[in-house]
Amino acid sequence: MVNKEVKNLLLLNIKAAVEDIVAADKQTFDTLHITDKLRREILNVLVSYSDNIPHPASGHGRSHGNGNNAPANTLLRWQVLAYVASIDLTIVKWFESHLDALSILHEVGYDTGSQKTDAQKSVQDSLSQLSGLWAVWAAEGPPLNFEQDTANQQDKTSQQGKVNGTVYGIANGIKAWCSGAHIVDYGLMTYRDKNGDSQLLIVDMQQEGIAIDNSSWQAVGMQATDTATIEFTDVAAEQVGAANAYLERVGFWHGAAGVAACWYGATAYLANYLLTSYQHKPNDYKAMYLGEISTAMALTQQYFYYVANLIDSEPKHQHQYSHELTIRTLRANVEQLARQVLERAGQALGAAPFCTNAHFARLAADLPVFIRQSHGAFDLQKIGELTSASATNLTSKATGNESKRQENLWQL
């Protein structure tokens, strides 16, 4: 069972801390004009809460000394992300990537608290010493190579022990689509090894041999994300986790749902502008658009609750397709909802908020770019394929006469 008091307390503390920063800047959220300085101040406060924000599925099967189950935490994580997204999508782009990096490292065993040996504990300590802002850069693109540094490997192993498959070496090559390139302290990057397997690298961004190029980033929406192409030349790096662990781990799709929570948070705030406008100056056509948006928002909100509970109760579902299909469906719903709210709110409110309200205008410009992290028709194709596979699996479990016909996947 979710401990709602703990959940609410953490979220309230984060909100209070952020609101103090905004108030100190003599602003309010509804008309928030955000600057680079204000973004960094808010981001720094959020990062300070990183250790308190649970990993996806961390509410499953945990128990404390008193025998009580730990709270189901996935929804809390998404609520935090949705709240940050309602402030600014650039901030949440950075913060979600930071939290995702920490969860990935946790999942591949880089900071596993259950390890007991001194060498293993030293690896956990080393992660805690890598404080600062993290980012996940996982886009496929130009080649990035990694070669083991034998001398450094021997030195590090003698100090810490070779744990969790950590390999020390040198990275060379290019990584594209790196958001937060200038502000990140540590990058968690993917690359393909000589066997074509996906591997994970940790790179300290505060070293020589790193060239950051923002020239190709011409976006208007999400313009401030500091997204760049990075070239690495003889840069020290650590390879962590097993081959293909990044793609094959259970949390891959849990993280994808976290991105959808970001989309939803911004969408919900845009929808709230229409609600507030109707309450201040009601008319029939605003009520009609509000009713249409409210119906769609309520359904998607309930689906978030369902998926969060599913992840916490069954993080490793026995049927391999289940969570991928469920989360792809969630993402497709949120993308459609975001486009619907942008269109209907614009029709109801006219040009004014797009032109005179800095907060509304920025969210409305950033959100269409951010939701393109969805893959549109490709995602729908995969949903169709996975739906067919799930229906086949359902039918194969049927017995007696039912096994002779296709089971209806959508029947109540």
Protein backbone atom coordinates (compact mmCIF):
# COMPACT_ATOMS: atom_id res chain seq x y z
CA MET A 1 0.00 0.00 0.00
CA VAL A 2 1.21 3.51 -0.82
CA ASN A 3 2.13 5.61 2.18
CA LYS A 4 0.34 8.79 1.09
CA GLU A 5 1.65 10.93 3.95
CA VAL A 6 5.27 10.23 3.01
CA LYS A 7 4.51 10.76 -0.64
CA ASN A 8 2.74 14.07 -0.08
CA LEU A 9 5.41 15.35 2.29
CA LEU A 10 8.21 14.91 -0.24
CA LEU A 11 6.24 16.53 -3.04
CA LEU A 12 5.17 19.39 -0.79
CA ASN A 13 8.77 19.99 0.29
CA ILE A 14 9.94 20.15 -3.31
CA LYS A 15 7.14 22.52 -4.24
CA ALA A 16 7.87 24.77 -1.27
CA ALA A 17 11.58 24.93 -2.12
CA VAL A 18 10.89 25.81 -5.77
CA GLU A 19 8.20 28.33 -4.88
CA ASP A 20 10.63 30.08 -2.53
CA ILE A 21 13.05 30.54 -5.43
CA VAL A 22 10.31 31.90 -7.70
CA ALA A 23 9.04 34.24 -4.97
CA ALA A 24 12.57 35.50 -4.34
CA ASP A 25 12.68 36.39 -8.04
CA LYS A 26 9.46 38.37 -7.44
CA GLN A 27 7.41 36.23 -9.82
CA THR A 28 4.41 33.92 -9.81
CA PHE A 29 4.00 30.63 -11.70
CA ASP A 30 1.05 31.73 -13.84
CA THR A 31 3.11 34.42 -15.57
CA LEU A 32 6.57 32.99 -14.96
CA HIS A 33 9.28 34.52 -17.11
CA ILE A 34 12.19 32.16 -16.70
CA THR A 35 15.84 33.08 -17.16
CA ASP A 36 18.94 30.90 -17.41
CA LYS A 37 19.87 31.95 -13.88
CA LEU A 38 16.46 30.99 -12.51
CA ARG A 39 16.59 27.65 -14.35
CA ARG A 40 19.90 26.76 -12.76
CA GLU A 41 18.73 27.78 -9.28
CA ILE A 42 15.63 25.60 -9.57
CA LEU A 43 17.61 22.72 -11.06
CA ASN A 44 20.18 22.85 -8.25
CA VAL A 45 17.44 22.60 -5.63
CA LEU A 46 15.82 19.68 -7.45
CA VAL A 47 19.13 17.82 -7.70
CA SER A 48 19.56 18.21 -3.94
CA TYR A 49 16.43 16.05 -3.55
CA SER A 50 17.72 13.28 -5.84
CA ASP A 51 18.40 10.78 -3.06
CA ASN A 52 14.83 11.16 -1.80
CA ILE A 53 13.11 10.51 -5.12
CA PRO A 54 12.48 6.79 -5.49
CA HIS A 55 13.56 4.65 -8.42
CA PRO A 56 10.79 3.15 -10.55
CA ALA A 57 9.39 -0.08 -9.06
CA SER A 58 11.18 0.60 -5.77
CA GLY A 59 7.91 0.10 -3.87
CA HIS A 60 7.73 -3.57 -4.86
CA GLY A 61 8.53 -6.27 -2.32
CA ARG A 62 10.48 -4.02 -0.01
CA SER A 63 10.08 -4.36 3.74
CA HIS A 64 11.59 -2.60 6.69
CA GLY A 65 12.46 -3.89 10.11
CA ASN A 66 8.89 -3.39 11.32
CA GLY A 67 7.63 -5.79 8.66
CA ASN A 68 5.60 -3.15 6.84
CA ASN A 69 5.87 -2.98 3.07
CA ALA A 70 7.62 0.05 1.66
CA PRO A 71 5.37 2.53 -0.15
CA ALA A 72 4.69 2.09 -3.84
CA ASN A 73 6.91 4.81 -5.22
CA THR A 74 6.64 4.96 -9.00
CA LEU A 75 3.70 7.36 -8.93
CA LEU A 76 5.56 9.68 -6.56
CA ARG A 77 8.46 9.86 -8.99
CA TRP A 78 6.11 10.71 -11.84
CA GLN A 79 4.28 13.32 -9.78
CA VAL A 80 7.58 15.08 -9.12
CA LEU A 81 8.46 15.01 -12.82
CA ALA A 82 5.00 16.24 -13.82
CA TYR A 83 5.25 19.10 -11.33
CA VAL A 84 8.66 20.17 -12.63
CA ALA A 85 7.37 19.94 -16.22
CA SER A 86 4.56 22.33 -15.33
CA ILE A 87 7.22 24.91 -14.47
CA ASP A 88 9.54 24.53 -17.43
CA LEU A 89 10.19 21.71 -19.90
CA THR A 90 13.89 22.52 -20.22
CA ILE A 91 14.39 22.05 -16.48
CA VAL A 92 12.49 18.77 -16.48
CA LYS A 93 14.39 17.56 -19.55
CA TRP A 94 17.62 17.94 -17.57
CA PHE A 95 16.20 16.66 -14.28
CA GLU A 96 14.50 13.59 -15.74
CA SER A 97 17.75 12.65 -17.48
CA HIS A 98 19.63 13.11 -14.20
CA LEU A 99 17.23 10.87 -12.28
CA ASP A 100 17.22 8.33 -15.09
CA ALA A 101 21.01 8.08 -14.97
CA LEU A 102 20.94 7.40 -11.24
CA SER A 103 18.24 4.75 -11.67
CA ILE A 104 20.13 3.05 -14.51
CA LEU A 105 23.32 2.89 -12.45
CA HIS A 106 21.32 1.52 -9.54
CA GLU A 107 19.70 -1.10 -11.75
CA VAL A 108 22.92 -2.32 -13.37
CA GLY A 109 24.46 -2.70 -9.93
CA TYR A 110 26.87 0.20 -9.87
CA ASP A 111 25.55 1.40 -6.51
CA THR A 112 23.86 -1.73 -5.16
CA GLY A 113 23.57 -1.34 -1.40
CA SER A 114 23.30 -5.09 -0.81
CA GLN A 115 26.96 -5.69 -1.69
CA LYS A 116 29.05 -6.64 1.28
CA THR A 117 32.74 -6.80 0.40
CA ASP A 118 35.04 -3.85 1.02
CA ALA A 119 35.80 -3.62 -2.69
CA GLN A 120 32.12 -3.59 -3.56
CA LYS A 121 31.35 -1.01 -0.91
CA SER A 122 34.07 1.20 -2.36
CA VAL A 123 32.25 1.21 -5.69
CA GLN A 124 29.08 2.33 -3.95
CA ASP A 125 31.10 5.03 -2.19
CA SER A 126 32.61 6.09 -5.50
CA LEU A 127 29.14 6.74 -6.92
CA SER A 128 28.18 8.88 -3.94
CA GLN A 129 31.36 10.87 -4.53
CA LEU A 130 30.30 11.50 -8.13
CA SER A 131 27.93 14.21 -6.96
CA GLY A 132 26.53 16.75 -9.34
CA LEU A 133 24.33 16.73 -12.40
CA TRP A 134 24.06 13.59 -14.54
CA ALA A 135 22.64 13.02 -18.01
CA VAL A 136 21.80 9.99 -20.12
CA TRP A 137 22.92 10.28 -23.75
CA ALA A 138 21.67 7.21 -25.57
CA ALA A 139 20.89 8.32 -29.12
CA GLU A 140 22.35 6.11 -31.83
CA GLY A 141 24.50 7.96 -34.33
CA PRO A 142 28.15 8.56 -35.25
CA PRO A 143 30.66 5.98 -33.99
CA LEU A 144 31.94 6.19 -30.42
CA ASN A 145 34.77 3.86 -29.48
CA PHE A 146 36.09 2.65 -26.15
CA GLU A 147 39.39 0.88 -25.49
CA GLN A 148 40.38 -0.62 -22.16
CA ASP A 149 43.30 1.10 -20.47
CA THR A 150 45.19 -1.87 -19.04
CA ALA A 151 47.51 0.14 -16.79
CA ASN A 152 44.66 2.19 -15.34
CA GLN A 153 42.53 -0.94 -14.97
CA GLN A 154 45.21 -2.60 -12.85
CA ASP A 155 45.63 0.53 -10.73
CA LYS A 156 41.88 0.97 -10.17
CA THR A 157 41.34 -2.73 -9.49
CA SER A 158 44.07 -2.75 -6.85
CA GLN A 159 42.37 0.21 -5.14
CA GLN A 160 38.70 -0.77 -5.47
CA GLY A 161 38.44 -4.27 -6.86
CA LYS A 162 36.91 -5.07 -10.21
CA VAL A 163 33.23 -5.04 -9.33
CA ASN A 164 30.02 -5.01 -11.35
CA GLY A 165 31.95 -5.45 -14.58
CA THR A 166 33.50 -1.98 -14.40
CA VAL A 167 36.19 -1.49 -17.04
CA TYR A 168 38.41 1.58 -17.18
CA GLY A 169 39.56 2.95 -20.50
CA ILE A 170 39.64 5.68 -23.12
CA ALA A 171 36.74 6.96 -25.23
CA ASN A 172 37.05 8.47 -28.70
CA GLY A 173 34.35 9.53 -31.11
CA ILE A 174 31.15 11.53 -31.37
CA LYS A 175 27.88 11.51 -29.44
CA ALA A 176 24.91 13.47 -30.81
CA TRP A 177 21.73 14.79 -29.17
CA CYS A 178 23.38 15.50 -25.81
CA SER A 179 21.11 17.80 -23.79
CA GLY A 180 22.69 19.83 -21.00
CA ALA A 181 26.11 19.37 -22.58
CA HIS A 182 27.73 22.41 -20.95
CA ILE A 183 26.17 22.05 -17.50
CA VAL A 184 26.36 18.31 -16.87
CA ASP A 185 29.02 16.97 -14.51
CA TYR A 186 28.79 13.32 -15.61
CA GLY A 187 27.47 11.75 -18.77
CA LEU A 188 26.12 8.19 -18.91
CA MET A 189 26.47 7.26 -22.57
CA THR A 190 25.73 4.28 -24.76
CA TYR A 191 28.04 2.97 -27.45
CA ARG A 192 28.27 -0.15 -29.61
CA ASP A 193 31.25 -2.42 -28.98
CA LYS A 194 33.04 -4.51 -31.60
CA ASN A 195 30.39 -7.21 -31.30
CA GLY A 196 27.59 -4.73 -31.90
CA ASP A 197 26.42 -4.94 -28.29
CA SER A 198 25.19 -1.87 -26.46
CA GLN A 199 27.45 -0.79 -23.60
CA LEU A 200 27.32 1.98 -20.99
CA LEU A 201 30.08 4.49 -20.30
CA ILE A 202 30.49 7.00 -17.49
CA VAL A 203 32.39 10.11 -18.53
CA ASP A 204 33.47 12.94 -16.24
CA MET A 205 32.68 16.05 -18.30
CA GLN A 206 35.19 18.17 -16.39
CA GLN A 207 38.27 16.96 -18.28
CA GLU A 208 40.25 17.82 -21.38
CA GLY A 209 39.54 16.27 -24.75
CA ILE A 210 35.83 17.17 -24.83
CA ALA A 211 34.59 19.47 -27.62
CA ILE A 212 30.96 20.62 -27.43
CA ASP A 213 29.23 21.92 -30.57
CA ASN A 214 25.76 23.49 -30.31
CA SER A 215 25.74 24.89 -33.85
CA SER A 216 23.35 22.30 -35.26
CA TRP A 217 20.70 22.90 -32.56
CA GLN A 218 18.33 25.31 -34.32
CA ALA A 219 15.18 24.50 -32.35
CA VAL A 220 12.76 27.20 -31.27
CA GLY A 221 10.86 24.96 -28.89
CA MET A 222 13.23 23.42 -26.29
CA GLN A 223 15.82 25.93 -27.46
CA ALA A 224 17.37 26.37 -24.02
CA THR A 225 18.16 22.69 -23.42
CA ASP A 226 21.84 23.14 -24.39
CA THR A 227 21.60 20.19 -26.78
CA ALA A 228 24.84 19.52 -28.62
CA THR A 229 27.04 17.14 -30.51
CA ILE A 230 30.06 16.19 -28.39
CA GLU A 231 33.40 14.95 -29.69
CA PHE A 232 35.58 12.95 -27.31
CA THR A 233 39.33 12.68 -27.86
CA ASP A 234 41.30 10.35 -25.56
CA VAL A 235 38.84 10.91 -22.72
CA ALA A 236 38.93 8.75 -19.59
CA ALA A 237 35.76 6.69 -19.16
CA GLU A 238 34.34 3.78 -17.18
CA GLN A 239 32.34 0.99 -18.79
CA VAL A 240 29.68 -0.29 -16.39
CA GLY A 241 27.12 -3.07 -16.46
CA ALA A 242 26.85 -6.10 -18.70
CA ALA A 243 26.57 -5.99 -22.48
CA ASN A 244 23.10 -4.82 -23.59
CA ALA A 245 22.10 -4.19 -19.96
CA TYR A 246 20.83 -0.70 -20.83
CA LEU A 247 18.31 -1.97 -23.39
CA GLU A 248 17.39 -5.30 -21.77
CA ARG A 249 16.90 -4.19 -18.16
CA VAL A 250 13.39 -4.10 -16.75
CA GLY A 251 13.62 -0.38 -16.01
CA PHE A 252 14.10 0.63 -19.66
CA TRP A 253 10.35 0.95 -20.17
CA HIS A 254 9.81 2.31 -16.67
CA GLY A 255 12.04 5.22 -17.65
CA ALA A 256 10.15 5.72 -20.90
CA ALA A 257 6.97 6.16 -18.85
CA GLY A 258 8.75 8.83 -16.78
CA VAL A 259 9.25 10.89 -19.92
CA ALA A 260 5.51 10.61 -20.60
CA ALA A 261 4.90 12.00 -17.10
CA CYS A 262 6.88 15.07 -18.16
CA TRP A 263 4.69 15.52 -21.23
CA TYR A 264 1.61 15.09 -19.09
CA GLY A 265 2.71 17.63 -16.48
CA ALA A 266 3.08 20.39 -19.07
CA THR A 267 -0.16 19.36 -20.77
CA ALA A 268 -2.05 19.49 -17.48
CA TYR A 269 -0.82 23.00 -16.77
CA LEU A 270 -1.85 24.24 -20.23
CA ALA A 271 -5.27 22.67 -19.70
CA ASN A 272 -5.53 24.45 -16.35
CA TYR A 273 -5.18 27.80 -18.10
CA LEU A 274 -8.43 27.04 -19.93
CA LEU A 275 -10.13 25.97 -16.69
CA THR A 276 -9.06 29.21 -14.97
CA SER A 277 -10.15 31.31 -17.95
CA TYR A 278 -13.57 29.68 -17.94
CA GLN A 279 -14.00 30.25 -14.21
CA HIS A 280 -13.11 33.94 -14.57
CA LYS A 281 -15.11 34.53 -17.74
CA PRO A 282 -17.42 31.63 -18.58
CA ASN A 283 -19.10 31.10 -21.92
CA ASP A 284 -20.56 28.15 -23.80
CA TYR A 285 -17.72 27.45 -26.23
CA LYS A 286 -15.12 27.51 -23.45
CA ALA A 287 -17.28 25.06 -21.52
CA MET A 288 -17.47 22.76 -24.54
CA TYR A 289 -13.69 22.72 -25.10
CA LEU A 290 -13.13 22.37 -21.35
CA GLY A 291 -15.45 19.37 -21.25
CA GLU A 292 -13.60 17.73 -24.13
CA ILE A 293 -10.21 18.32 -22.52
CA SER A 294 -11.38 17.31 -19.04
CA THR A 295 -12.68 13.97 -20.32
CA ALA A 296 -9.37 13.17 -22.02
CA MET A 297 -7.27 14.38 -19.09
CA ALA A 298 -9.21 12.28 -16.55
CA LEU A 299 -8.84 9.08 -18.57
CA THR A 300 -5.09 9.55 -19.06
CA GLN A 301 -4.60 10.48 -15.41
CA GLN A 302 -6.28 7.24 -14.35
CA TYR A 303 -4.13 5.29 -16.76
CA PHE A 304 -1.00 6.77 -15.13
CA TYR A 305 -2.27 5.51 -11.76
CA TYR A 306 -2.88 2.08 -13.24
CA VAL A 307 0.54 1.82 -14.88
CA ALA A 308 2.34 3.06 -11.75
CA ASN A 309 0.57 0.43 -9.67
CA LEU A 310 1.37 -2.23 -12.27
CA ILE A 311 5.07 -1.38 -12.22
CA ASP A 312 5.23 -1.41 -8.43
CA SER A 313 3.21 -4.61 -8.03
CA GLU A 314 4.69 -6.54 -10.97
CA PRO A 315 7.99 -4.95 -12.06
CA LYS A 316 9.00 -8.19 -13.79
CA HIS A 317 5.76 -9.43 -15.28
CA GLN A 318 5.81 -13.03 -16.42
CA HIS A 319 4.83 -12.03 -19.96
CA GLN A 320 7.68 -10.12 -21.54
CA TYR A 321 5.45 -7.94 -23.72
CA SER A 322 3.19 -6.65 -20.96
CA HIS A 323 4.99 -3.57 -19.70
CA GLU A 324 6.33 -2.54 -23.09
CA LEU A 325 2.85 -2.64 -24.58
CA THR A 326 1.29 -0.90 -21.58
CA ILE A 327 3.89 1.86 -21.51
CA ARG A 328 3.93 2.35 -25.28
CA THR A 329 0.15 2.74 -25.03
CA LEU A 330 0.55 5.25 -22.20
CA ARG A 331 3.04 7.30 -24.21
CA ALA A 332 0.82 7.26 -27.29
CA ASN A 333 -2.14 8.43 -25.20
CA VAL A 334 -0.17 11.28 -23.64
CA GLU A 335 1.18 12.40 -27.00
CA GLN A 336 -2.35 12.50 -28.44
CA LEU A 337 -3.61 14.30 -25.32
CA ALA A 338 -0.86 16.93 -25.57
CA ARG A 339 -1.72 17.70 -29.17
CA GLN A 340 -5.43 17.81 -28.33
CA VAL A 341 -4.95 20.23 -25.43
CA LEU A 342 -2.65 22.51 -27.44
CA GLU A 343 -5.23 22.73 -30.21
CA ARG A 344 -8.37 23.02 -28.09
CA ALA A 345 -6.91 25.45 -25.57
CA GLY A 346 -5.76 27.61 -28.46
CA GLN A 347 -9.21 27.53 -30.04
CA ALA A 348 -10.86 28.42 -26.74
CA LEU A 349 -8.43 31.11 -25.58
CA GLY A 350 -7.34 32.65 -28.85
CA ALA A 351 -3.92 34.16 -29.50
CA ALA A 352 -3.64 36.12 -26.26
CA PRO A 353 -1.89 33.58 -23.99
CA PHE A 354 0.49 32.56 -26.79
CA CYS A 355 1.52 36.20 -27.18
CA THR A 356 1.21 37.83 -23.76
CA ASN A 357 1.81 35.11 -21.15
CA ALA A 358 5.46 34.04 -21.02
CA HIS A 359 4.75 30.80 -19.14
CA PHE A 360 1.93 29.62 -21.40
CA ALA A 361 3.84 30.63 -24.54
CA ARG A 362 6.99 28.79 -23.49
CA LEU A 363 5.15 25.58 -22.58
CA ALA A 364 3.16 25.74 -25.82
CA ALA A 365 6.35 26.17 -27.87
CA ASP A 366 8.39 23.53 -26.03
CA LEU A 367 5.80 20.75 -25.72
CA PRO A 368 5.39 19.93 -29.46
CA VAL A 369 9.17 19.45 -29.70
CA PHE A 370 9.43 17.38 -26.52
CA ILE A 371 6.65 14.96 -27.50
CA ARG A 372 8.55 14.18 -30.69
CA GLN A 373 10.67 12.03 -28.41
CA SER A 374 7.78 9.73 -29.20
CA HIS A 375 8.22 7.96 -32.52
CA GLY A 376 4.74 8.47 -33.91
CA ALA A 377 3.77 5.92 -36.54
CA PHE A 378 6.57 3.55 -35.52
CA ASP A 379 5.22 3.44 -31.96
CA LEU A 380 1.70 2.72 -33.21
CA GLN A 381 3.09 -0.05 -35.41
CA LYS A 382 4.81 -1.62 -32.39
CA ILE A 383 1.64 -1.28 -30.32
CA GLY A 384 -0.23 -3.18 -33.03
CA GLU A 385 2.38 -5.93 -33.17
CA LEU A 386 2.55 -6.28 -29.39
CA THR A 387 -1.24 -6.24 -29.10
CA SER A 388 -1.45 -9.14 -31.55
CA ALA A 389 1.21 -11.04 -29.61
CA SER A 390 -0.63 -10.45 -26.32
CA ALA A 391 -3.90 -11.66 -27.80
CA THR A 392 -2.19 -14.79 -29.06
CA ASN A 393 -0.67 -15.38 -25.62
CA LEU A 394 -4.06 -14.91 -23.97
CA THR A 395 -5.67 -17.41 -26.33
CA SER A 396 -2.91 -19.98 -25.80
CA LYS A 397 -3.71 -19.98 -22.07
CA ALA A 398 -7.39 -20.70 -22.65
CA THR A 399 -8.72 -24.21 -22.07
CA GLY A 400 -11.53 -26.36 -23.42
CA ASN A 401 -13.74 -24.94 -26.15
CA GLU A 402 -12.34 -21.43 -25.64
CA SER A 403 -8.99 -22.50 -27.07
CA LYS A 404 -10.62 -22.90 -30.47
CA ARG A 405 -11.29 -19.21 -30.90
CA GLN A 406 -9.36 -15.95 -30.50
CA GLU A 407 -9.83 -14.41 -27.06
CA ASN A 408 -11.00 -10.78 -27.02
CA LEU A 409 -8.17 -8.81 -25.44
CA TRP A 410 -10.33 -5.75 -24.75
CA GLN A 411 -13.45 -7.37 -23.31
CA LEU A 412 -14.36 -6.39 -19.75
